[in-house]
N, C-alpha and C. Protein backbone atom coordinates (compact mmCIF):
# COMPACT_ATOMS: atom_id res chain seq x y z
N UNK A 1 -13.58 17.20 44.93
CA UNK A 1 -12.52 16.29 45.22
C UNK A 1 -12.74 15.73 46.63
N UNK A 2 -12.48 14.44 46.80
CA UNK A 2 -12.63 13.82 48.11
C UNK A 2 -11.50 12.83 48.36
N UNK A 3 -11.27 12.51 49.63
CA UNK A 3 -10.22 11.58 50.01
C UNK A 3 -10.69 10.16 49.69
N UNK A 4 -9.84 9.42 49.01
CA UNK A 4 -10.13 8.02 48.66
C UNK A 4 -9.66 7.07 49.75
N UNK A 5 -8.58 7.43 50.45
CA UNK A 5 -8.03 6.58 51.50
C UNK A 5 -6.64 7.05 51.89
N UNK A 6 -5.95 6.23 52.65
CA UNK A 6 -4.62 6.57 53.15
C UNK A 6 -3.65 5.44 52.92
N UNK A 7 -2.38 5.81 52.80
CA UNK A 7 -1.30 4.84 52.75
C UNK A 7 -0.71 4.77 54.16
N UNK A 8 -0.63 3.57 54.71
CA UNK A 8 -0.11 3.39 56.07
C UNK A 8 1.40 3.17 56.01
N UNK A 9 2.13 4.13 56.52
CA UNK A 9 3.59 4.07 56.53
C UNK A 9 4.11 4.01 57.97
N UNK A 10 3.22 3.75 58.92
CA UNK A 10 3.54 3.88 60.34
C UNK A 10 4.56 2.87 60.85
N UNK A 11 4.68 1.73 60.24
CA UNK A 11 5.62 0.72 60.74
C UNK A 11 7.04 1.25 60.77
N UNK A 12 7.34 2.26 59.95
CA UNK A 12 8.70 2.77 59.87
C UNK A 12 9.02 3.80 60.94
N UNK A 13 8.04 4.28 61.66
CA UNK A 13 8.35 5.25 62.71
C UNK A 13 7.83 4.84 64.08
N UNK A 14 7.32 3.64 64.20
CA UNK A 14 6.86 3.15 65.50
C UNK A 14 7.88 2.20 66.12
N UNK A 15 9.16 2.50 65.92
CA UNK A 15 10.22 1.67 66.49
C UNK A 15 11.09 2.52 67.41
N UNK A 16 11.72 1.87 68.37
CA UNK A 16 12.57 2.58 69.32
C UNK A 16 13.84 3.11 68.67
N UNK A 17 14.37 2.40 67.66
CA UNK A 17 15.63 2.81 67.06
C UNK A 17 15.47 3.93 66.02
N UNK A 18 14.25 4.32 65.73
CA UNK A 18 14.04 5.39 64.77
C UNK A 18 13.88 6.70 65.52
N UNK A 19 14.93 7.49 65.58
CA UNK A 19 14.89 8.73 66.31
C UNK A 19 15.05 9.96 65.42
N UNK A 20 15.06 9.77 64.15
CA UNK A 20 15.11 10.90 63.22
C UNK A 20 13.70 11.46 63.13
N UNK A 21 13.54 12.72 63.37
CA UNK A 21 12.20 13.30 63.40
C UNK A 21 11.50 13.21 62.07
N UNK A 22 12.22 13.17 60.96
CA UNK A 22 11.56 13.16 59.65
C UNK A 22 11.64 11.82 58.95
N UNK A 23 12.08 10.77 59.65
CA UNK A 23 12.25 9.47 59.00
C UNK A 23 10.95 8.90 58.47
N UNK A 24 9.85 9.20 59.13
CA UNK A 24 8.59 8.60 58.75
C UNK A 24 7.83 9.42 57.71
N UNK A 25 8.26 10.63 57.46
CA UNK A 25 7.56 11.45 56.47
C UNK A 25 7.71 10.85 55.09
N UNK A 26 6.60 10.69 54.41
CA UNK A 26 6.66 10.21 53.03
C UNK A 26 7.19 11.36 52.19
N UNK A 27 8.33 11.13 51.56
CA UNK A 27 8.99 12.17 50.77
C UNK A 27 8.53 12.17 49.32
N UNK A 28 8.20 11.01 48.81
CA UNK A 28 7.75 10.89 47.42
C UNK A 28 6.66 9.84 47.34
N UNK A 29 5.71 10.10 46.49
CA UNK A 29 4.68 9.12 46.16
C UNK A 29 4.63 8.99 44.66
N UNK A 30 4.67 7.77 44.20
CA UNK A 30 4.65 7.51 42.76
C UNK A 30 3.44 6.65 42.45
N UNK A 31 2.59 7.12 41.57
CA UNK A 31 1.46 6.33 41.09
C UNK A 31 1.91 5.66 39.80
N UNK A 32 1.99 4.32 39.83
CA UNK A 32 2.44 3.58 38.67
C UNK A 32 1.53 2.38 38.48
N UNK A 33 0.83 2.38 37.38
CA UNK A 33 -0.11 1.29 37.13
C UNK A 33 -1.21 1.30 38.18
N UNK A 34 -1.42 0.17 38.83
CA UNK A 34 -2.44 0.03 39.87
C UNK A 34 -1.88 0.20 41.28
N UNK A 35 -0.70 0.78 41.41
CA UNK A 35 -0.04 0.84 42.70
C UNK A 35 0.44 2.25 43.06
N UNK A 36 0.55 2.47 44.37
CA UNK A 36 1.16 3.69 44.90
C UNK A 36 2.44 3.26 45.60
N UNK A 37 3.54 3.86 45.22
CA UNK A 37 4.81 3.62 45.88
C UNK A 37 5.08 4.82 46.78
N UNK A 38 5.13 4.61 48.09
CA UNK A 38 5.39 5.68 49.05
C UNK A 38 6.81 5.50 49.57
N UNK A 39 7.61 6.55 49.44
CA UNK A 39 9.03 6.47 49.76
C UNK A 39 9.37 7.47 50.86
N UNK A 40 10.01 6.98 51.91
CA UNK A 40 10.47 7.84 52.99
C UNK A 40 11.93 7.51 53.28
N UNK A 41 12.50 8.22 54.22
CA UNK A 41 13.88 7.96 54.63
C UNK A 41 14.02 6.55 55.20
N UNK A 42 12.98 6.04 55.82
CA UNK A 42 13.05 4.77 56.53
C UNK A 42 12.59 3.57 55.71
N UNK A 43 11.82 3.77 54.64
CA UNK A 43 11.35 2.62 53.89
C UNK A 43 10.48 2.97 52.71
N UNK A 44 10.04 1.93 52.02
CA UNK A 44 9.18 2.05 50.84
C UNK A 44 8.00 1.10 51.02
N UNK A 45 6.81 1.60 50.75
CA UNK A 45 5.63 0.73 50.77
C UNK A 45 4.98 0.74 49.39
N UNK A 46 4.38 -0.38 49.04
CA UNK A 46 3.63 -0.51 47.79
C UNK A 46 2.20 -0.85 48.17
N UNK A 47 1.27 -0.01 47.73
CA UNK A 47 -0.14 -0.16 48.08
C UNK A 47 -0.98 -0.24 46.81
N UNK A 48 -1.92 -1.19 46.77
CA UNK A 48 -2.81 -1.33 45.62
C UNK A 48 -3.83 -0.19 45.64
N UNK A 49 -4.01 0.45 44.51
CA UNK A 49 -4.90 1.62 44.43
C UNK A 49 -6.36 1.31 44.74
N UNK A 50 -6.87 0.22 44.23
CA UNK A 50 -8.29 -0.09 44.40
C UNK A 50 -8.65 -0.49 45.83
N UNK A 51 -7.88 -1.41 46.39
CA UNK A 51 -8.20 -1.94 47.72
C UNK A 51 -7.51 -1.19 48.85
N UNK A 52 -6.48 -0.40 48.53
CA UNK A 52 -5.64 0.28 49.51
C UNK A 52 -4.98 -0.68 50.49
N UNK A 53 -4.79 -1.93 50.03
CA UNK A 53 -4.05 -2.92 50.82
C UNK A 53 -2.58 -2.81 50.49
N UNK A 54 -1.75 -2.90 51.53
CA UNK A 54 -0.31 -2.90 51.31
C UNK A 54 0.09 -4.22 50.68
N UNK A 55 0.77 -4.15 49.57
CA UNK A 55 1.19 -5.33 48.83
C UNK A 55 2.59 -5.75 49.21
N UNK A 56 3.46 -4.78 49.44
CA UNK A 56 4.85 -5.08 49.78
C UNK A 56 5.47 -3.87 50.47
N UNK A 57 6.58 -4.12 51.14
CA UNK A 57 7.31 -3.02 51.77
C UNK A 57 8.75 -3.44 51.99
N UNK A 58 9.60 -2.47 52.17
CA UNK A 58 10.99 -2.74 52.49
C UNK A 58 11.47 -1.64 53.42
N UNK A 59 12.15 -2.06 54.50
CA UNK A 59 12.72 -1.09 55.42
C UNK A 59 14.14 -0.81 54.96
N UNK A 60 14.49 0.47 54.88
CA UNK A 60 15.83 0.87 54.44
C UNK A 60 16.76 0.95 55.63
N UNK A 61 18.02 0.71 55.39
CA UNK A 61 19.03 0.79 56.43
C UNK A 61 19.28 2.26 56.75
N UNK A 62 19.21 2.60 58.02
CA UNK A 62 19.43 3.98 58.44
C UNK A 62 20.90 4.16 58.77
N UNK A 63 21.50 5.17 58.17
CA UNK A 63 22.90 5.49 58.42
C UNK A 63 22.95 6.83 59.12
N UNK A 64 23.60 6.85 60.27
CA UNK A 64 23.71 8.09 61.02
C UNK A 64 24.60 9.07 60.25
N UNK A 65 24.23 10.32 60.19
CA UNK A 65 25.07 11.30 59.49
C UNK A 65 26.35 11.54 60.29
N UNK A 66 27.40 11.84 59.58
CA UNK A 66 28.66 12.17 60.22
C UNK A 66 29.06 13.58 59.82
N UNK A 67 29.93 14.15 60.60
CA UNK A 67 30.42 15.48 60.27
C UNK A 67 31.31 15.37 59.03
N UNK A 68 31.16 16.29 58.09
CA UNK A 68 32.03 16.23 56.90
C UNK A 68 33.49 16.50 57.29
N UNK A 69 34.40 15.82 56.60
CA UNK A 69 35.81 16.03 56.87
C UNK A 69 36.27 17.34 56.26
N UNK A 70 37.23 17.94 56.92
CA UNK A 70 37.83 19.15 56.35
C UNK A 70 38.87 18.73 55.34
N UNK A 71 39.31 19.66 54.52
CA UNK A 71 40.31 19.36 53.50
C UNK A 71 41.60 18.87 54.16
N UNK A 72 42.01 19.48 55.26
CA UNK A 72 43.25 19.07 55.92
C UNK A 72 43.14 17.65 56.47
N UNK A 73 41.96 17.25 56.98
CA UNK A 73 41.77 15.89 57.48
C UNK A 73 41.87 14.88 56.34
N UNK A 74 41.33 15.23 55.17
CA UNK A 74 41.40 14.33 54.02
C UNK A 74 42.83 14.17 53.54
N UNK A 75 43.60 15.27 53.53
CA UNK A 75 45.01 15.21 53.11
C UNK A 75 45.80 14.36 54.09
N UNK A 76 45.57 14.53 55.39
CA UNK A 76 46.25 13.74 56.41
C UNK A 76 45.93 12.26 56.24
N UNK A 77 44.69 11.94 55.96
CA UNK A 77 44.30 10.53 55.76
C UNK A 77 44.99 9.95 54.55
N UNK A 78 45.09 10.71 53.46
CA UNK A 78 45.77 10.24 52.25
C UNK A 78 47.24 10.04 52.51
N UNK A 79 47.88 10.99 53.23
CA UNK A 79 49.31 10.89 53.54
C UNK A 79 49.62 9.66 54.38
N UNK A 80 48.76 9.37 55.37
CA UNK A 80 49.02 8.23 56.25
C UNK A 80 48.79 6.91 55.53
N UNK A 81 47.93 6.88 54.52
CA UNK A 81 47.69 5.63 53.78
C UNK A 81 48.82 5.34 52.81
N UNK A 82 49.62 6.34 52.45
CA UNK A 82 50.75 6.13 51.53
C UNK A 82 51.95 5.54 52.24
N UNK A 83 52.01 5.63 53.55
CA UNK A 83 53.17 5.12 54.31
C UNK A 83 53.20 3.64 54.37
């Protein structure tokens, strides 16, 4: 077995606003037809298998995680919306 090439996903982690340590890690790779779809927290790239040229990509919107609400906070929010 030998390495055929690499998928370049670097555009998604070479930005100042990307501060999530794992945003650039490719989480899933899907081989479909003549293409590799590489999916990470920050984006998706489509690469042609034969030439290893990137065909398309999309950057995903990053949403900062928030602390989960407690049950009492949810009840208070519901009560205040009924007024």
